[in-house]
Amino acid sequence: SMSDTFHKDVTDLKIQLILDECYFNDP
């Protein structure tokens, strides 16, 4: 909420790490 996940200064790797964390915290 305090940034944009897909900002140009955020690498693909860092975005993937965030998505992985989402995956492992289902439900």
mmCIF file of all heavy atoms, coordinates in Angstrom:
data_MODEL
# 
_entry.id   MODEL 
# 
loop_
_atom_site.group_PDB 
_atom_site.id 
_atom_site.type_symbol 
_atom_site.label_atom_id 
_atom_site.label_alt_id 
_atom_site.label_comp_id 
_atom_site.label_asym_id 
_atom_site.label_entity_id 
_atom_site.label_seq_id 
_atom_site.pdbx_PDB_ins_code 
_atom_site.Cartn_x 
_atom_site.Cartn_y 
_atom_site.Cartn_z 
_atom_site.occupancy 
_atom_site.B_iso_or_equiv 
_atom_site.pdbx_formal_charge 
_atom_site.auth_seq_id 
_atom_site.auth_comp_id 
_atom_site.auth_asym_id 
_atom_site.auth_atom_id 
_atom_site.pdbx_PDB_model_num 
ATOM 1   N N   . SER A 1 1  ? 0.824  -1.205  0.000   1.00 0.00 ? 1  SER A N   1 
ATOM 2   C CA  . SER A 1 1  ? 0.000  0.000   0.000   1.00 0.00 ? 1  SER A CA  1 
ATOM 3   C C   . SER A 1 1  ? 0.861  1.259   0.000   1.00 0.00 ? 1  SER A C   1 
ATOM 4   O O   . SER A 1 1  ? 0.379  2.344   -0.338  1.00 0.00 ? 1  SER A O   1 
ATOM 5   C CB  . SER A 1 1  ? -0.912 0.011   1.232   1.00 0.00 ? 1  SER A CB  1 
ATOM 6   O OG  . SER A 1 1  ? -0.147 0.067   2.432   1.00 0.00 ? 1  SER A OG  1 
ATOM 7   N N   . MET A 1 2  ? 2.139  1.127   0.356   1.00 0.00 ? 2  MET A N   1 
ATOM 8   C CA  . MET A 1 2  ? 3.057  2.263   0.424   1.00 0.00 ? 2  MET A CA  1 
ATOM 9   C C   . MET A 1 2  ? 4.040  2.279   -0.749  1.00 0.00 ? 2  MET A C   1 
ATOM 10  O O   . MET A 1 2  ? 5.070  2.958   -0.703  1.00 0.00 ? 2  MET A O   1 
ATOM 11  C CB  . MET A 1 2  ? 3.824  2.234   1.744   1.00 0.00 ? 2  MET A CB  1 
ATOM 12  C CG  . MET A 1 2  ? 2.938  2.372   2.980   1.00 0.00 ? 2  MET A CG  1 
ATOM 13  S SD  . MET A 1 2  ? 2.108  3.968   3.063   1.00 0.00 ? 2  MET A SD  1 
ATOM 14  C CE  . MET A 1 2  ? 3.501  5.022   3.459   1.00 0.00 ? 2  MET A CE  1 
ATOM 15  N N   . SER A 1 3  ? 3.701  1.555   -1.800  1.00 0.00 ? 3  SER A N   1 
ATOM 16  C CA  . SER A 1 3  ? 4.572  1.505   -2.975  1.00 0.00 ? 3  SER A CA  1 
ATOM 17  C C   . SER A 1 3  ? 3.782  0.932   -4.140  1.00 0.00 ? 3  SER A C   1 
ATOM 18  O O   . SER A 1 3  ? 2.551  0.887   -4.106  1.00 0.00 ? 3  SER A O   1 
ATOM 19  C CB  . SER A 1 3  ? 5.812  0.651   -2.683  1.00 0.00 ? 3  SER A CB  1 
ATOM 20  O OG  . SER A 1 3  ? 6.727  0.701   -3.764  1.00 0.00 ? 3  SER A OG  1 
ATOM 21  N N   . ASP A 1 4  ? 4.489  0.512   -5.181  1.00 0.00 ? 4  ASP A N   1 
ATOM 22  C CA  . ASP A 1 4  ? 3.903  -0.207  -6.305  1.00 0.00 ? 4  ASP A CA  1 
ATOM 23  C C   . ASP A 1 4  ? 4.784  -1.417  -6.560  1.00 0.00 ? 4  ASP A C   1 
ATOM 24  O O   . ASP A 1 4  ? 5.967  -1.283  -6.884  1.00 0.00 ? 4  ASP A O   1 
ATOM 25  C CB  . ASP A 1 4  ? 3.833  0.694   -7.546  1.00 0.00 ? 4  ASP A CB  1 
ATOM 26  C CG  . ASP A 1 4  ? 3.052  0.069   -8.696  1.00 0.00 ? 4  ASP A CG  1 
ATOM 27  O OD1 . ASP A 1 4  ? 3.172  -1.164  -8.895  1.00 0.00 ? 4  ASP A OD1 1 
ATOM 28  O OD2 . ASP A 1 4  ? 2.331  0.800   -9.396  1.00 0.00 ? 4  ASP A OD2 1 
ATOM 29  N N   . THR A 1 5  ? 4.214  -2.599  -6.404  1.00 0.00 ? 5  THR A N   1 
ATOM 30  C CA  . THR A 1 5  ? 4.972  -3.843  -6.528  1.00 0.00 ? 5  THR A CA  1 
ATOM 31  C C   . THR A 1 5  ? 5.726  -3.934  -7.850  1.00 0.00 ? 5  THR A C   1 
ATOM 32  O O   . THR A 1 5  ? 6.818  -4.510  -7.917  1.00 0.00 ? 5  THR A O   1 
ATOM 33  C CB  . THR A 1 5  ? 4.018  -5.042  -6.395  1.00 0.00 ? 5  THR A CB  1 
ATOM 34  O OG1 . THR A 1 5  ? 3.337  -4.964  -5.134  1.00 0.00 ? 5  THR A OG1 1 
ATOM 35  C CG2 . THR A 1 5  ? 4.757  -6.369  -6.467  1.00 0.00 ? 5  THR A CG2 1 
ATOM 36  N N   . PHE A 1 6  ? 5.174  -3.342  -8.908  1.00 0.00 ? 6  PHE A N   1 
ATOM 37  C CA  . PHE A 1 6  ? 5.762  -3.481  -10.239 1.00 0.00 ? 6  PHE A CA  1 
ATOM 38  C C   . PHE A 1 6  ? 6.534  -2.238  -10.686 1.00 0.00 ? 6  PHE A C   1 
ATOM 39  O O   . PHE A 1 6  ? 6.745  -2.023  -11.879 1.00 0.00 ? 6  PHE A O   1 
ATOM 40  C CB  . PHE A 1 6  ? 4.672  -3.853  -11.245 1.00 0.00 ? 6  PHE A CB  1 
ATOM 41  C CG  . PHE A 1 6  ? 4.052  -5.190  -10.944 1.00 0.00 ? 6  PHE A CG  1 
ATOM 42  C CD1 . PHE A 1 6  ? 2.943  -5.291  -10.115 1.00 0.00 ? 6  PHE A CD1 1 
ATOM 43  C CD2 . PHE A 1 6  ? 4.602  -6.352  -11.447 1.00 0.00 ? 6  PHE A CD2 1 
ATOM 44  C CE1 . PHE A 1 6  ? 2.387  -6.523  -9.815  1.00 0.00 ? 6  PHE A CE1 1 
ATOM 45  C CE2 . PHE A 1 6  ? 4.056  -7.593  -11.155 1.00 0.00 ? 6  PHE A CE2 1 
ATOM 46  C CZ  . PHE A 1 6  ? 2.943  -7.682  -10.329 1.00 0.00 ? 6  PHE A CZ  1 
ATOM 47  N N   . HIS A 1 7  ? 6.961  -1.439  -9.715  1.00 0.00 ? 7  HIS A N   1 
ATOM 48  C CA  . HIS A 1 7  ? 7.807  -0.278  -10.016 1.00 0.00 ? 7  HIS A CA  1 
ATOM 49  C C   . HIS A 1 7  ? 9.073  -0.735  -10.736 1.00 0.00 ? 7  HIS A C   1 
ATOM 50  O O   . HIS A 1 7  ? 9.594  -1.825  -10.472 1.00 0.00 ? 7  HIS A O   1 
ATOM 51  C CB  . HIS A 1 7  ? 8.154  0.445   -8.709  1.00 0.00 ? 7  HIS A CB  1 
ATOM 52  C CG  . HIS A 1 7  ? 8.783  1.779   -8.891  1.00 0.00 ? 7  HIS A CG  1 
ATOM 53  N ND1 . HIS A 1 7  ? 10.109 1.934   -9.252  1.00 0.00 ? 7  HIS A ND1 1 
ATOM 54  C CD2 . HIS A 1 7  ? 8.274  3.041   -8.764  1.00 0.00 ? 7  HIS A CD2 1 
ATOM 55  C CE1 . HIS A 1 7  ? 10.389 3.220   -9.328  1.00 0.00 ? 7  HIS A CE1 1 
ATOM 56  N NE2 . HIS A 1 7  ? 9.293  3.918   -9.052  1.00 0.00 ? 7  HIS A NE2 1 
ATOM 57  N N   . LYS A 1 8  ? 9.589  0.103   -11.631 1.00 0.00 ? 8  LYS A N   1 
ATOM 58  C CA  . LYS A 1 8  ? 10.773 -0.262  -12.416 1.00 0.00 ? 8  LYS A CA  1 
ATOM 59  C C   . LYS A 1 8  ? 11.993 -0.556  -11.549 1.00 0.00 ? 8  LYS A C   1 
ATOM 60  O O   . LYS A 1 8  ? 12.913 -1.276  -11.984 1.00 0.00 ? 8  LYS A O   1 
ATOM 61  C CB  . LYS A 1 8  ? 11.105 0.841   -13.420 1.00 0.00 ? 8  LYS A CB  1 
ATOM 62  C CG  . LYS A 1 8  ? 11.513 2.163   -12.790 1.00 0.00 ? 8  LYS A CG  1 
ATOM 63  C CD  . LYS A 1 8  ? 11.838 3.206   -13.852 1.00 0.00 ? 8  LYS A CD  1 
ATOM 64  C CE  . LYS A 1 8  ? 12.201 4.552   -13.223 1.00 0.00 ? 8  LYS A CE  1 
ATOM 65  N NZ  . LYS A 1 8  ? 13.416 4.474   -12.401 1.00 0.00 ? 8  LYS A NZ  1 
ATOM 66  N N   . ASP A 1 9  ? 12.037 -0.026  -10.333 1.00 0.00 ? 9  ASP A N   1 
ATOM 67  C CA  . ASP A 1 9  ? 13.181 -0.253  -9.457  1.00 0.00 ? 9  ASP A CA  1 
ATOM 68  C C   . ASP A 1 9  ? 13.053 -1.527  -8.624  1.00 0.00 ? 9  ASP A C   1 
ATOM 69  O O   . ASP A 1 9  ? 13.922 -1.816  -7.791  1.00 0.00 ? 9  ASP A O   1 
ATOM 70  C CB  . ASP A 1 9  ? 13.388 0.950   -8.526  1.00 0.00 ? 9  ASP A CB  1 
ATOM 71  C CG  . ASP A 1 9  ? 13.825 2.196   -9.286  1.00 0.00 ? 9  ASP A CG  1 
ATOM 72  O OD1 . ASP A 1 9  ? 14.326 2.042   -10.421 1.00 0.00 ? 9  ASP A OD1 1 
ATOM 73  O OD2 . ASP A 1 9  ? 13.646 3.310   -8.762  1.00 0.00 ? 9  ASP A OD2 1 
ATOM 74  N N   . VAL A 1 10 ? 11.977 -2.276  -8.844  1.00 0.00 ? 10 VAL A N   1 
ATOM 75  C CA  . VAL A 1 10 ? 11.795 -3.564  -8.167  1.00 0.00 ? 10 VAL A CA  1 
ATOM 76  C C   . VAL A 1 10 ? 12.102 -4.657  -9.193  1.00 0.00 ? 10 VAL A C   1 
ATOM 77  O O   . VAL A 1 10 ? 11.440 -4.756  -10.229 1.00 0.00 ? 10 VAL A O   1 
ATOM 78  C CB  . VAL A 1 10 ? 10.360 -3.724  -7.631  1.00 0.00 ? 10 VAL A CB  1 
ATOM 79  C CG1 . VAL A 1 10 ? 10.217 -5.067  -6.909  1.00 0.00 ? 10 VAL A CG1 1 
ATOM 80  C CG2 . VAL A 1 10 ? 10.004 -2.570  -6.703  1.00 0.00 ? 10 VAL A CG2 1 
ATOM 81  N N   . THR A 1 11 ? 13.086 -5.477  -8.909  1.00 0.00 ? 11 THR A N   1 
ATOM 82  C CA  . THR A 1 11 ? 13.504 -6.501  -9.871  1.00 0.00 ? 11 THR A CA  1 
ATOM 83  C C   . THR A 1 11 ? 12.470 -7.624  -9.970  1.00 0.00 ? 11 THR A C   1 
ATOM 84  O O   . THR A 1 11 ? 11.659 -7.830  -9.065  1.00 0.00 ? 11 THR A O   1 
ATOM 85  C CB  . THR A 1 11 ? 14.851 -7.110  -9.466  1.00 0.00 ? 11 THR A CB  1 
ATOM 86  O OG1 . THR A 1 11 ? 14.693 -7.819  -8.221  1.00 0.00 ? 11 THR A OG1 1 
ATOM 87  C CG2 . THR A 1 11 ? 15.923 -6.037  -9.324  1.00 0.00 ? 11 THR A CG2 1 
ATOM 88  N N   . ASP A 1 12 ? 12.552 -8.369  -11.075 1.00 0.00 ? 12 ASP A N   1 
ATOM 89  C CA  . ASP A 1 12 ? 11.679 -9.534  -11.245 1.00 0.00 ? 12 ASP A CA  1 
ATOM 90  C C   . ASP A 1 12 ? 11.864 -10.523 -10.094 1.00 0.00 ? 12 ASP A C   1 
ATOM 91  O O   . ASP A 1 12 ? 10.895 -11.134 -9.620  1.00 0.00 ? 12 ASP A O   1 
ATOM 92  C CB  . ASP A 1 12 ? 11.972 -10.237 -12.564 1.00 0.00 ? 12 ASP A CB  1 
ATOM 93  C CG  . ASP A 1 12 ? 11.449 -9.472  -13.772 1.00 0.00 ? 12 ASP A CG  1 
ATOM 94  O OD1 . ASP A 1 12 ? 10.810 -8.414  -13.582 1.00 0.00 ? 12 ASP A OD1 1 
ATOM 95  O OD2 . ASP A 1 12 ? 11.673 -9.939  -14.901 1.00 0.00 ? 12 ASP A OD2 1 
ATOM 96  N N   . LEU A 1 13 ? 13.102 -10.710 -9.658  1.00 0.00 ? 13 LEU A N   1 
ATOM 97  C CA  . LEU A 1 13 ? 13.378 -11.645 -8.572  1.00 0.00 ? 13 LEU A CA  1 
ATOM 98  C C   . LEU A 1 13 ? 12.652 -11.233 -7.301  1.00 0.00 ? 13 LEU A C   1 
ATOM 99  O O   . LEU A 1 13 ? 12.053 -12.081 -6.614  1.00 0.00 ? 13 LEU A O   1 
ATOM 100 C CB  . LEU A 1 13 ? 14.877 -11.732 -8.312  1.00 0.00 ? 13 LEU A CB  1 
ATOM 101 C CG  . LEU A 1 13 ? 15.302 -12.578 -7.101  1.00 0.00 ? 13 LEU A CG  1 
ATOM 102 C CD1 . LEU A 1 13 ? 14.822 -14.016 -7.257  1.00 0.00 ? 13 LEU A CD1 1 
ATOM 103 C CD2 . LEU A 1 13 ? 16.820 -12.521 -6.912  1.00 0.00 ? 13 LEU A CD2 1 
ATOM 104 N N   . LYS A 1 14 ? 12.677 -9.954  -6.979  1.00 0.00 ? 14 LYS A N   1 
ATOM 105 C CA  . LYS A 1 14 ? 12.021 -9.483  -5.761  1.00 0.00 ? 14 LYS A CA  1 
ATOM 106 C C   . LYS A 1 14 ? 10.502 -9.629  -5.861  1.00 0.00 ? 14 LYS A C   1 
ATOM 107 O O   . LYS A 1 14 ? 9.844  -9.989  -4.874  1.00 0.00 ? 14 LYS A O   1 
ATOM 108 C CB  . LYS A 1 14 ? 12.424 -8.045  -5.477  1.00 0.00 ? 14 LYS A CB  1 
ATOM 109 C CG  . LYS A 1 14 ? 13.883 -7.922  -5.044  1.00 0.00 ? 14 LYS A CG  1 
ATOM 110 C CD  . LYS A 1 14 ? 14.334 -6.482  -4.923  1.00 0.00 ? 14 LYS A CD  1 
ATOM 111 C CE  . LYS A 1 14 ? 15.799 -6.417  -4.501  1.00 0.00 ? 14 LYS A CE  1 
ATOM 112 N NZ  . LYS A 1 14 ? 16.302 -5.017  -4.453  1.00 0.00 ? 14 LYS A NZ  1 
ATOM 113 N N   . ILE A 1 15 ? 9.961  -9.374  -7.027  1.00 0.00 ? 15 ILE A N   1 
ATOM 114 C CA  . ILE A 1 15 ? 8.522  -9.592  -7.215  1.00 0.00 ? 15 ILE A CA  1 
ATOM 115 C C   . ILE A 1 15 ? 8.190  -11.067 -7.021  1.00 0.00 ? 15 ILE A C   1 
ATOM 116 O O   . ILE A 1 15 ? 7.211  -11.419 -6.360  1.00 0.00 ? 15 ILE A O   1 
ATOM 117 C CB  . ILE A 1 15 ? 8.087  -9.116  -8.617  1.00 0.00 ? 15 ILE A CB  1 
ATOM 118 C CG1 . ILE A 1 15 ? 8.222  -7.595  -8.726  1.00 0.00 ? 15 ILE A CG1 1 
ATOM 119 C CG2 . ILE A 1 15 ? 6.653  -9.551  -8.912  1.00 0.00 ? 15 ILE A CG2 1 
ATOM 120 C CD1 . ILE A 1 15 ? 8.011  -7.066  -10.126 1.00 0.00 ? 15 ILE A CD1 1 
ATOM 121 N N   . GLN A 1 16 ? 9.026  -11.940 -7.578  1.00 0.00 ? 16 GLN A N   1 
ATOM 122 C CA  . GLN A 1 16 ? 8.775  -13.377 -7.440  1.00 0.00 ? 16 GLN A CA  1 
ATOM 123 C C   . GLN A 1 16 ? 8.870  -13.818 -5.987  1.00 0.00 ? 16 GLN A C   1 
ATOM 124 O O   . GLN A 1 16 ? 8.085  -14.681 -5.538  1.00 0.00 ? 16 GLN A O   1 
ATOM 125 C CB  . GLN A 1 16 ? 9.775  -14.166 -8.292  1.00 0.00 ? 16 GLN A CB  1 
ATOM 126 C CG  . GLN A 1 16 ? 9.436  -15.646 -8.405  1.00 0.00 ? 16 GLN A CG  1 
ATOM 127 C CD  . GLN A 1 16 ? 8.071  -15.876 -9.004  1.00 0.00 ? 16 GLN A CD  1 
ATOM 128 O OE1 . GLN A 1 16 ? 7.776  -15.429 -10.104 1.00 0.00 ? 16 GLN A OE1 1 
ATOM 129 N NE2 . GLN A 1 16 ? 7.203  -16.584 -8.279  1.00 0.00 ? 16 GLN A NE2 1 
ATOM 130 N N   . LEU A 1 17 ? 9.798  -13.259 -5.231  1.00 0.00 ? 17 LEU A N   1 
ATOM 131 C CA  . LEU A 1 17 ? 9.891  -13.599 -3.807  1.00 0.00 ? 17 LEU A CA  1 
ATOM 132 C C   . LEU A 1 17 ? 8.615  -13.216 -3.061  1.00 0.00 ? 17 LEU A C   1 
ATOM 133 O O   . LEU A 1 17 ? 8.153  -13.955 -2.180  1.00 0.00 ? 17 LEU A O   1 
ATOM 134 C CB  . LEU A 1 17 ? 11.097 -12.886 -3.188  1.00 0.00 ? 17 LEU A CB  1 
ATOM 135 C CG  . LEU A 1 17 ? 12.486 -13.407 -3.597  1.00 0.00 ? 17 LEU A CG  1 
ATOM 136 C CD1 . LEU A 1 17 ? 13.576 -12.476 -3.074  1.00 0.00 ? 17 LEU A CD1 1 
ATOM 137 C CD2 . LEU A 1 17 ? 12.703 -14.832 -3.081  1.00 0.00 ? 17 LEU A CD2 1 
ATOM 138 N N   . ILE A 1 18 ? 8.038  -12.082 -3.410  1.00 0.00 ? 18 ILE A N   1 
ATOM 139 C CA  . ILE A 1 18 ? 6.777  -11.660 -2.790  1.00 0.00 ? 18 ILE A CA  1 
ATOM 140 C C   . ILE A 1 18 ? 5.651  -12.618 -3.172  1.00 0.00 ? 18 ILE A C   1 
ATOM 141 O O   . ILE A 1 18 ? 4.858  -13.044 -2.313  1.00 0.00 ? 18 ILE A O   1 
ATOM 142 C CB  . ILE A 1 18 ? 6.439  -10.218 -3.207  1.00 0.00 ? 18 ILE A CB  1 
ATOM 143 C CG1 . ILE A 1 18 ? 7.431  -9.246  -2.575  1.00 0.00 ? 18 ILE A CG1 1 
ATOM 144 C CG2 . ILE A 1 18 ? 5.008  -9.851  -2.800  1.00 0.00 ? 18 ILE A CG2 1 
ATOM 145 C CD1 . ILE A 1 18 ? 7.336  -7.823  -3.108  1.00 0.00 ? 18 ILE A CD1 1 
ATOM 146 N N   . LEU A 1 19 ? 5.571  -12.983 -4.451  1.00 0.00 ? 19 LEU A N   1 
ATOM 147 C CA  . LEU A 1 19 ? 4.536  -13.910 -4.901  1.00 0.00 ? 19 LEU A CA  1 
ATOM 148 C C   . LEU A 1 19 ? 4.698  -15.281 -4.247  1.00 0.00 ? 19 LEU A C   1 
ATOM 149 O O   . LEU A 1 19 ? 3.699  -15.930 -3.895  1.00 0.00 ? 19 LEU A O   1 
ATOM 150 C CB  . LEU A 1 19 ? 4.567  -14.034 -6.422  1.00 0.00 ? 19 LEU A CB  1 
ATOM 151 C CG  . LEU A 1 19 ? 4.194  -12.778 -7.212  1.00 0.00 ? 19 LEU A CG  1 
ATOM 152 C CD1 . LEU A 1 19 ? 4.375  -13.012 -8.699  1.00 0.00 ? 19 LEU A CD1 1 
ATOM 153 C CD2 . LEU A 1 19 ? 2.765  -12.352 -6.903  1.00 0.00 ? 19 LEU A CD2 1 
ATOM 154 N N   . ASP A 1 20 ? 5.941  -15.714 -4.071  1.00 0.00 ? 20 ASP A N   1 
ATOM 155 C CA  . ASP A 1 20 ? 6.184  -16.995 -3.391  1.00 0.00 ? 20 ASP A CA  1 
ATOM 156 C C   . ASP A 1 20 ? 5.676  -16.950 -1.959  1.00 0.00 ? 20 ASP A C   1 
ATOM 157 O O   . ASP A 1 20 ? 5.085  -17.916 -1.453  1.00 0.00 ? 20 ASP A O   1 
ATOM 158 C CB  . ASP A 1 20 ? 7.674  -17.329 -3.406  1.00 0.00 ? 20 ASP A CB  1 
ATOM 159 C CG  . ASP A 1 20 ? 8.183  -17.700 -4.784  1.00 0.00 ? 20 ASP A CG  1 
ATOM 160 O OD1 . ASP A 1 20 ? 7.357  -17.956 -5.689  1.00 0.00 ? 20 ASP A OD1 1 
ATOM 161 O OD2 . ASP A 1 20 ? 9.424  -17.715 -4.967  1.00 0.00 ? 20 ASP A OD2 1 
ATOM 162 N N   . GLU A 1 21 ? 5.911  -15.827 -1.297  1.00 0.00 ? 21 GLU A N   1 
ATOM 163 C CA  . GLU A 1 21 ? 5.453  -15.677 0.080   1.00 0.00 ? 21 GLU A CA  1 
ATOM 164 C C   . GLU A 1 21 ? 3.932  -15.715 0.141   1.00 0.00 ? 21 GLU A C   1 
ATOM 165 O O   . GLU A 1 21 ? 3.347  -16.295 1.064   1.00 0.00 ? 21 GLU A O   1 
ATOM 166 C CB  . GLU A 1 21 ? 5.988  -14.371 0.670   1.00 0.00 ? 21 GLU A CB  1 
ATOM 167 C CG  . GLU A 1 21 ? 5.891  -14.284 2.191   1.00 0.00 ? 21 GLU A CG  1 
ATOM 168 C CD  . GLU A 1 21 ? 6.762  -15.312 2.899   1.00 0.00 ? 21 GLU A CD  1 
ATOM 169 O OE1 . GLU A 1 21 ? 7.697  -15.860 2.289   1.00 0.00 ? 21 GLU A OE1 1 
ATOM 170 O OE2 . GLU A 1 21 ? 6.482  -15.586 4.087   1.00 0.00 ? 21 GLU A OE2 1 
ATOM 171 N N   . CYS A 1 22 ? 3.277  -15.114 -0.836  1.00 0.00 ? 22 CYS A N   1 
ATOM 172 C CA  . CYS A 1 22 ? 1.811  -15.192 -0.909  1.00 0.00 ? 22 CYS A CA  1 
ATOM 173 C C   . CYS A 1 22 ? 1.365  -16.651 -1.052  1.00 0.00 ? 22 CYS A C   1 
ATOM 174 O O   . CYS A 1 22 ? 0.452  -17.107 -0.354  1.00 0.00 ? 22 CYS A O   1 
ATOM 175 C CB  . CYS A 1 22 ? 1.294  -14.379 -2.096  1.00 0.00 ? 22 CYS A CB  1 
ATOM 176 S SG  . CYS A 1 22 ? 1.579  -12.600 -1.992  1.00 0.00 ? 22 CYS A SG  1 
ATOM 177 N N   . TYR A 1 23 ? 2.022  -17.372 -1.939  1.00 0.00 ? 23 TYR A N   1 
ATOM 178 C CA  . TYR A 1 23 ? 1.682  -18.776 -2.193  1.00 0.00 ? 23 TYR A CA  1 
ATOM 179 C C   . TYR A 1 23 ? 1.792  -19.617 -0.917  1.00 0.00 ? 23 TYR A C   1 
ATOM 180 O O   . TYR A 1 23 ? 0.911  -20.438 -0.616  1.00 0.00 ? 23 TYR A O   1 
ATOM 181 C CB  . TYR A 1 23 ? 2.602  -19.336 -3.271  1.00 0.00 ? 23 TYR A CB  1 
ATOM 182 C CG  . TYR A 1 23 ? 2.463  -20.818 -3.496  1.00 0.00 ? 23 TYR A CG  1 
ATOM 183 C CD1 . TYR A 1 23 ? 1.438  -21.325 -4.289  1.00 0.00 ? 23 TYR A CD1 1 
ATOM 184 C CD2 . TYR A 1 23 ? 3.362  -21.715 -2.899  1.00 0.00 ? 23 TYR A CD2 1 
ATOM 185 C CE1 . TYR A 1 23 ? 1.304  -22.692 -4.487  1.00 0.00 ? 23 TYR A CE1 1 
ATOM 186 C CE2 . TYR A 1 23 ? 3.235  -23.081 -3.100  1.00 0.00 ? 23 TYR A CE2 1 
ATOM 187 C CZ  . TYR A 1 23 ? 2.206  -23.568 -3.899  1.00 0.00 ? 23 TYR A CZ  1 
ATOM 188 O OH  . TYR A 1 23 ? 2.079  -24.920 -4.079  1.00 0.00 ? 23 TYR A OH  1 
ATOM 189 N N   . PHE A 1 24 ? 2.835  -19.406 -0.170  1.00 0.00 ? 24 PHE A N   1 
ATOM 190 C CA  . PHE A 1 24 ? 3.067  -20.218 1.024   1.00 0.00 ? 24 PHE A CA  1 
ATOM 191 C C   . PHE A 1 24 ? 2.202  -19.787 2.216   1.00 0.00 ? 24 PHE A C   1 
ATOM 192 O O   . PHE A 1 24 ? 2.250  -20.425 3.269   1.00 0.00 ? 24 PHE A O   1 
ATOM 193 C CB  . PHE A 1 24 ? 4.552  -20.183 1.414   1.00 0.00 ? 24 PHE A CB  1 
ATOM 194 C CG  . PHE A 1 24 ? 5.429  -20.960 0.478   1.00 0.00 ? 24 PHE A CG  1 
ATOM 195 C CD1 . PHE A 1 24 ? 6.421  -20.332 -0.261  1.00 0.00 ? 24 PHE A CD1 1 
ATOM 196 C CD2 . PHE A 1 24 ? 5.249  -22.328 0.311   1.00 0.00 ? 24 PHE A CD2 1 
ATOM 197 C CE1 . PHE A 1 24 ? 7.229  -21.047 -1.126  1.00 0.00 ? 24 PHE A CE1 1 
ATOM 198 C CE2 . PHE A 1 24 ? 6.046  -23.059 -0.563  1.00 0.00 ? 24 PHE A CE2 1 
ATOM 199 C CZ  . PHE A 1 24 ? 7.042  -22.417 -1.288  1.00 0.00 ? 24 PHE A CZ  1 
ATOM 200 N N   . ASN A 1 25 ? 1.439  -18.722 2.041   1.00 0.00 ? 25 ASN A N   1 
ATOM 201 C CA  . ASN A 1 25 ? 0.562  -18.262 3.119   1.00 0.00 ? 25 ASN A CA  1 
ATOM 202 C C   . ASN A 1 25 ? -0.916 -18.355 2.741   1.00 0.00 ? 25 ASN A C   1 
ATOM 203 O O   . ASN A 1 25 ? -1.735 -17.579 3.199   1.00 0.00 ? 25 ASN A O   1 
ATOM 204 C CB  . ASN A 1 25 ? 0.925  -16.835 3.516   1.00 0.00 ? 25 ASN A CB  1 
ATOM 205 C CG  . ASN A 1 25 ? 2.137  -16.792 4.427   1.00 0.00 ? 25 ASN A CG  1 
ATOM 206 O OD1 . ASN A 1 25 ? 2.045  -17.015 5.631   1.00 0.00 ? 25 ASN A OD1 1 
ATOM 207 N ND2 . ASN A 1 25 ? 3.299  -16.525 3.839   1.00 0.00 ? 25 ASN A ND2 1 
ATOM 208 N N   . ASP A 1 26 ? -1.242 -19.323 1.908   1.00 0.00 ? 26 ASP A N   1 
ATOM 209 C CA  . ASP A 1 26 ? -2.625 -19.690 1.681   1.00 0.00 ? 26 ASP A CA  1 
ATOM 210 C C   . ASP A 1 26 ? -3.154 -20.247 3.014   1.00 0.00 ? 26 ASP A C   1 
ATOM 211 O O   . ASP A 1 26 ? -2.407 -20.934 3.708   1.00 0.00 ? 26 ASP A O   1 
ATOM 212 C CB  . ASP A 1 26 ? -2.663 -20.772 0.586   1.00 0.00 ? 26 ASP A CB  1 
ATOM 213 C CG  . ASP A 1 26 ? -4.065 -21.111 0.138   1.00 0.00 ? 26 ASP A CG  1 
ATOM 214 O OD1 . ASP A 1 26 ? -4.872 -20.195 0.001   1.00 0.00 ? 26 ASP A OD1 1 
ATOM 215 O OD2 . ASP A 1 26 ? -4.326 -22.308 -0.072  1.00 0.00 ? 26 ASP A OD2 1 
ATOM 216 N N   . PRO A 1 27 ? -4.388 -19.948 3.478   1.00 0.00 ? 27 PRO A N   1 
ATOM 217 C CA  . PRO A 1 27 ? -5.544 -19.443 2.739   1.00 0.00 ? 27 PRO A CA  1 
ATOM 218 C C   . PRO A 1 27 ? -5.747 -17.923 2.801   1.00 0.00 ? 27 PRO A C   1 
ATOM 219 O O   . PRO A 1 27 ? -6.834 -17.449 2.456   1.00 0.00 ? 27 PRO A O   1 
ATOM 220 C CB  . PRO A 1 27 ? -6.702 -20.147 3.425   1.00 0.00 ? 27 PRO A CB  1 
ATOM 221 C CG  . PRO A 1 27 ? -6.289 -20.190 4.865   1.00 0.00 ? 27 PRO A CG  1 
ATOM 222 C CD  . PRO A 1 27 ? -4.789 -20.385 4.834   1.00 0.00 ? 27 PRO A CD  1 
# 
